[in-house]
Amino acid sequence: MLEEKLGIAMHWWKFENRVSDSMLINVDWIFKAGEALYQSIGILASEKNKGNTKMFKGTSSGTNQVMIHLPLNPAKYFHLRGILAMTADMYRITSAIVKNSETGDLKPHLNKIKRSSNKFRDLRNFFEHIDDRLTDFNEHGISGETETNCGISYTESAKDCFHLVFDGSSFHFSDEKKSKERSFTVNDFIPIFEGLEGLYNVLTSHKMHSQVYPPFSSYCNYKALVK
């Protein structure tokens, strides 16, 4: 298991670099979230989720119109929410570490995880506050002429309209009175795993009681997810 080997590496890296236990506890939690993220992405990536957005081709000019196309079964929807939750954990923890700790050689990799996980903030916030988005169209619906990339064209007379569409590679959604889009493919998550691999390589490079550690790919073979 990654945690067992990583625990040994962090123990000796800590003494070699004179860092605090609290900082490494947080780093350890990043890997825990990263493994959960990797497993959930693997499940979603195991099946193509290409949706049919042709049903939405055309214009919308009404009031409070709702268009939802989310072709994910309950299990896959569960993993979608888990993925977004893990990106939140990774962003918040890396932000706290970089702000409050001396991180040395870990810093560029922590920053990479921070930037890459924050990319999903808008989509994460959308689902975290889905109650608002589904009930308060005056606050989050689209009014006026608006073009989307999911086949929906809102006319000038459209008022407080809502859409949520997943086309298999991107989410399209109305939020804060805007039409937003977030790419959601395996490739979008690769920088997060590259940051994790960089952390792992630094932590396992200690010279105090050095040993040969398994490559990061033996725990998270993220490159194999890309087809």
Protein backbone atom coordinates (compact mmCIF):
# COMPACT_ATOMS: atom_id res chain seq x y z
CA MET A 1 0.00 0.00 0.00
CA LEU A 2 1.10 3.54 -0.72
CA GLU A 3 0.47 4.74 2.84
CA GLU A 4 2.84 2.20 4.39
CA LYS A 5 5.80 2.95 2.13
CA LEU A 6 5.07 6.66 2.13
CA GLY A 7 4.97 6.72 5.92
CA ILE A 8 8.51 5.34 6.08
CA ALA A 9 9.76 7.80 3.47
CA MET A 10 8.16 10.80 5.16
CA HIS A 11 9.56 9.78 8.54
CA TRP A 12 13.16 9.94 7.31
CA TRP A 13 12.58 12.90 4.98
CA LYS A 14 11.24 14.84 7.97
CA PHE A 15 14.43 14.30 9.98
CA GLU A 16 16.67 15.04 7.02
CA ASN A 17 14.86 18.32 6.24
CA ARG A 18 13.83 19.31 9.78
CA VAL A 19 10.13 19.85 9.03
CA SER A 20 7.19 19.63 11.41
CA ASP A 21 4.99 16.61 11.96
CA SER A 22 1.87 18.69 11.29
CA MET A 23 3.03 19.61 7.81
CA LEU A 24 3.62 15.99 6.88
CA ILE A 25 0.27 14.91 8.31
CA ASN A 26 -1.32 17.28 5.80
CA VAL A 27 0.89 16.00 2.98
CA ASP A 28 -0.15 12.46 3.88
CA TRP A 29 -3.80 13.52 3.61
CA ILE A 30 -3.17 14.85 0.11
CA PHE A 31 -2.06 11.39 -0.98
CA LYS A 32 -5.12 9.84 0.67
CA ALA A 33 -7.37 12.18 -1.32
CA GLY A 34 -5.28 11.55 -4.44
CA GLU A 35 -5.73 7.79 -4.25
CA ALA A 36 -9.48 8.21 -3.81
CA LEU A 37 -9.53 10.58 -6.79
CA TYR A 38 -7.56 8.12 -8.92
CA GLN A 39 -9.92 5.23 -8.16
CA SER A 40 -13.07 7.23 -8.85
CA ILE A 41 -11.71 8.61 -12.12
CA GLY A 42 -10.81 5.07 -13.14
CA ILE A 43 -14.42 4.00 -12.64
CA LEU A 44 -15.81 6.90 -14.65
CA ALA A 45 -13.21 6.40 -17.38
CA SER A 46 -14.02 2.70 -17.69
CA GLU A 47 -17.07 3.48 -19.81
CA LYS A 48 -17.75 6.09 -22.43
CA ASN A 49 -20.39 8.56 -21.28
CA LYS A 50 -21.04 10.26 -24.56
CA GLY A 51 -24.44 11.84 -24.30
CA ASN A 52 -26.83 12.80 -27.07
CA THR A 53 -27.15 16.57 -26.97
CA LYS A 54 -29.00 16.77 -30.29
CA MET A 55 -32.27 16.90 -28.35
CA PHE A 56 -31.24 20.39 -27.27
CA LYS A 57 -30.40 21.75 -30.70
CA GLY A 58 -32.38 24.88 -31.32
CA THR A 59 -33.46 28.06 -29.58
CA SER A 60 -35.02 28.77 -26.21
CA SER A 61 -37.11 31.87 -25.75
CA GLY A 62 -39.38 31.07 -22.82
CA THR A 63 -39.37 31.83 -19.09
CA ASN A 64 -38.06 29.44 -16.40
CA GLN A 65 -37.31 26.74 -18.95
CA VAL A 66 -35.29 23.82 -17.59
CA MET A 67 -33.13 21.52 -19.71
CA ILE A 68 -31.23 18.71 -17.94
CA HIS A 69 -29.25 15.94 -19.61
CA LEU A 70 -27.02 14.05 -17.17
CA PRO A 71 -26.48 10.54 -18.60
CA LEU A 72 -24.84 9.07 -15.50
CA ASN A 73 -26.31 6.18 -13.54
CA PRO A 74 -26.46 6.57 -9.72
CA ALA A 75 -23.11 4.85 -9.17
CA LYS A 76 -21.34 7.09 -11.66
CA TYR A 77 -23.06 10.16 -10.27
CA PHE A 78 -21.78 9.11 -6.83
CA HIS A 79 -18.22 8.97 -8.17
CA LEU A 80 -18.64 12.31 -9.92
CA ARG A 81 -19.51 13.94 -6.61
CA GLY A 82 -16.62 12.12 -4.94
CA ILE A 83 -14.19 13.38 -7.57
CA LEU A 84 -15.29 16.97 -7.02
CA ALA A 85 -15.05 16.56 -3.24
CA MET A 86 -11.49 15.22 -3.50
CA THR A 87 -10.42 18.15 -5.69
CA ALA A 88 -11.78 20.45 -2.96
CA ASP A 89 -9.81 18.62 -0.26
CA MET A 90 -6.62 18.74 -2.30
CA TYR A 91 -6.98 22.43 -3.10
CA ARG A 92 -7.71 23.47 0.47
CA ILE A 93 -4.99 21.36 2.05
CA THR A 94 -2.27 22.36 -0.42
CA SER A 95 -3.28 26.02 -0.01
CA ALA A 96 -2.93 25.74 3.77
CA ILE A 97 0.43 23.98 3.58
CA VAL A 98 1.96 26.47 1.16
CA LYS A 99 0.65 29.39 3.20
CA ASN A 100 1.66 28.19 6.66
CA SER A 101 4.70 25.92 6.22
CA GLU A 102 8.24 25.86 4.91
CA THR A 103 7.91 23.25 2.21
CA GLY A 104 11.31 23.30 0.50
CA ASP A 105 11.50 21.05 -2.55
CA LEU A 106 7.86 20.08 -2.14
CA LYS A 107 6.61 23.57 -2.97
CA PRO A 108 6.45 23.43 -6.81
CA HIS A 109 4.57 20.13 -6.67
CA LEU A 110 2.16 21.38 -4.01
CA ASN A 111 1.50 24.46 -6.11
CA LYS A 112 0.84 22.31 -9.17
CA ILE A 113 -1.75 20.28 -7.26
CA LYS A 114 -3.26 23.49 -5.91
CA ARG A 115 -3.63 25.10 -9.35
CA SER A 116 -4.87 21.96 -11.07
CA SER A 117 -7.47 21.03 -8.47
CA ASN A 118 -8.76 24.61 -8.32
CA LYS A 119 -9.65 24.34 -12.00
CA PHE A 120 -12.84 22.53 -10.98
CA ARG A 121 -13.96 25.14 -8.46
CA ASP A 122 -16.88 26.47 -10.54
CA LEU A 123 -18.30 23.01 -11.25
CA ARG A 124 -17.71 21.94 -7.65
CA ASN A 125 -19.55 24.98 -6.31
CA PHE A 126 -22.40 24.35 -8.74
CA PHE A 127 -23.03 20.85 -7.38
CA GLU A 128 -22.32 21.76 -3.75
CA HIS A 129 -25.11 24.35 -3.97
CA ILE A 130 -27.34 22.47 -6.38
CA ASP A 131 -30.39 23.38 -4.27
CA ASP A 132 -29.90 27.07 -5.11
CA ARG A 133 -29.26 26.34 -8.77
CA LEU A 134 -32.41 24.25 -9.13
CA THR A 135 -34.74 26.57 -7.26
CA ASP A 136 -33.51 30.14 -7.70
CA PHE A 137 -33.59 30.73 -11.44
CA ASN A 138 -33.78 34.47 -10.87
CA GLU A 139 -30.31 34.32 -9.33
CA HIS A 140 -28.71 31.64 -11.51
CA GLY A 141 -30.83 31.31 -14.66
CA ILE A 142 -29.94 32.82 -18.01
CA SER A 143 -31.79 35.79 -19.46
CA GLY A 144 -31.27 37.34 -22.87
CA GLU A 145 -29.42 36.25 -25.99
CA THR A 146 -26.81 33.62 -25.09
CA GLU A 147 -24.99 30.96 -27.13
CA THR A 148 -23.82 27.73 -25.51
CA ASN A 149 -21.57 24.93 -26.74
CA CYS A 150 -24.12 22.23 -25.95
CA GLY A 151 -26.67 23.05 -28.65
CA ILE A 152 -28.84 25.50 -26.74
CA SER A 153 -29.30 29.01 -28.10
CA TYR A 154 -31.14 31.43 -25.86
CA THR A 155 -32.96 34.28 -27.60
CA GLU A 156 -33.31 37.85 -26.42
CA SER A 157 -36.70 37.04 -24.89
CA ALA A 158 -35.39 34.14 -22.77
CA LYS A 159 -35.77 34.78 -19.06
CA ASP A 160 -34.38 32.90 -16.04
CA CYS A 161 -33.70 29.65 -17.93
CA PHE A 162 -31.63 26.76 -16.58
CA HIS A 163 -29.61 24.02 -18.21
CA LEU A 164 -27.29 21.24 -17.07
CA VAL A 165 -25.81 19.09 -19.83
CA PHE A 166 -22.99 16.54 -19.79
CA ASP A 167 -21.88 15.63 -23.30
CA GLY A 168 -19.34 12.99 -22.25
CA SER A 169 -16.36 15.34 -22.11
CA SER A 170 -17.67 18.64 -20.71
CA PHE A 171 -20.31 19.94 -18.34
CA HIS A 172 -22.44 22.83 -19.55
CA PHE A 173 -24.46 24.63 -16.89
CA SER A 174 -26.20 27.87 -16.04
CA ASP A 175 -24.76 29.53 -12.96
CA GLU A 176 -24.76 33.10 -11.64
CA LYS A 177 -26.84 34.14 -14.69
CA LYS A 178 -24.10 32.92 -17.04
CA SER A 179 -23.64 29.94 -19.32
CA LYS A 180 -20.58 28.08 -18.05
CA GLU A 181 -18.59 25.14 -19.36
CA ARG A 182 -16.05 22.88 -17.67
CA SER A 183 -14.03 20.25 -19.49
CA PHE A 184 -14.17 16.95 -17.58
CA THR A 185 -11.93 14.29 -19.09
CA VAL A 186 -9.14 12.13 -17.70
CA ASN A 187 -6.62 14.51 -19.28
CA ASP A 188 -7.96 17.36 -17.15
CA PHE A 189 -6.82 15.52 -14.01
CA ILE A 190 -3.36 14.46 -15.22
CA PRO A 191 -1.61 17.59 -13.79
CA ILE A 192 -2.92 16.71 -10.32
CA PHE A 193 -1.37 13.26 -10.51
CA GLU A 194 1.85 14.69 -11.91
CA GLY A 195 2.00 16.93 -8.84
CA LEU A 196 1.42 13.94 -6.58
CA GLU A 197 4.15 11.99 -8.35
CA GLY A 198 6.51 14.92 -7.89
CA LEU A 199 5.75 14.98 -4.15
CA TYR A 200 6.32 11.25 -3.94
CA ASN A 201 9.65 11.45 -5.76
CA VAL A 202 10.92 14.19 -3.43
CA LEU A 203 9.80 12.39 -0.28
CA THR A 204 11.39 9.10 -1.36
CA SER A 205 14.68 10.74 -2.33
CA HIS A 206 15.90 11.10 1.26
CA LYS A 207 19.47 9.98 2.00
CA MET A 208 18.96 9.09 5.65
CA HIS A 209 18.48 5.31 5.81
CA SER A 210 17.86 5.44 2.08
CA GLN A 211 16.17 2.57 0.30
CA VAL A 212 14.69 1.81 -3.09
CA TYR A 213 11.00 2.66 -3.18
CA PRO A 214 8.49 1.41 -5.77
CA PRO A 215 7.73 3.90 -8.54
CA PHE A 216 4.66 6.05 -8.04
CA SER A 217 3.04 4.35 -11.04
CA SER A 218 2.82 1.11 -9.05
CA TYR A 219 0.26 2.87 -6.85
CA CYS A 220 -1.35 5.33 -9.26
CA ASN A 221 -0.78 4.38 -12.88
CA TYR A 222 -2.61 7.49 -14.05
CA LYS A 223 -1.08 7.43 -17.54
CA ALA A 224 -2.91 4.17 -18.21
CA LEU A 225 -6.22 5.98 -17.74
CA VAL A 226 -5.61 8.00 -20.89
CA LYS A 227 -6.88 6.08 -23.88
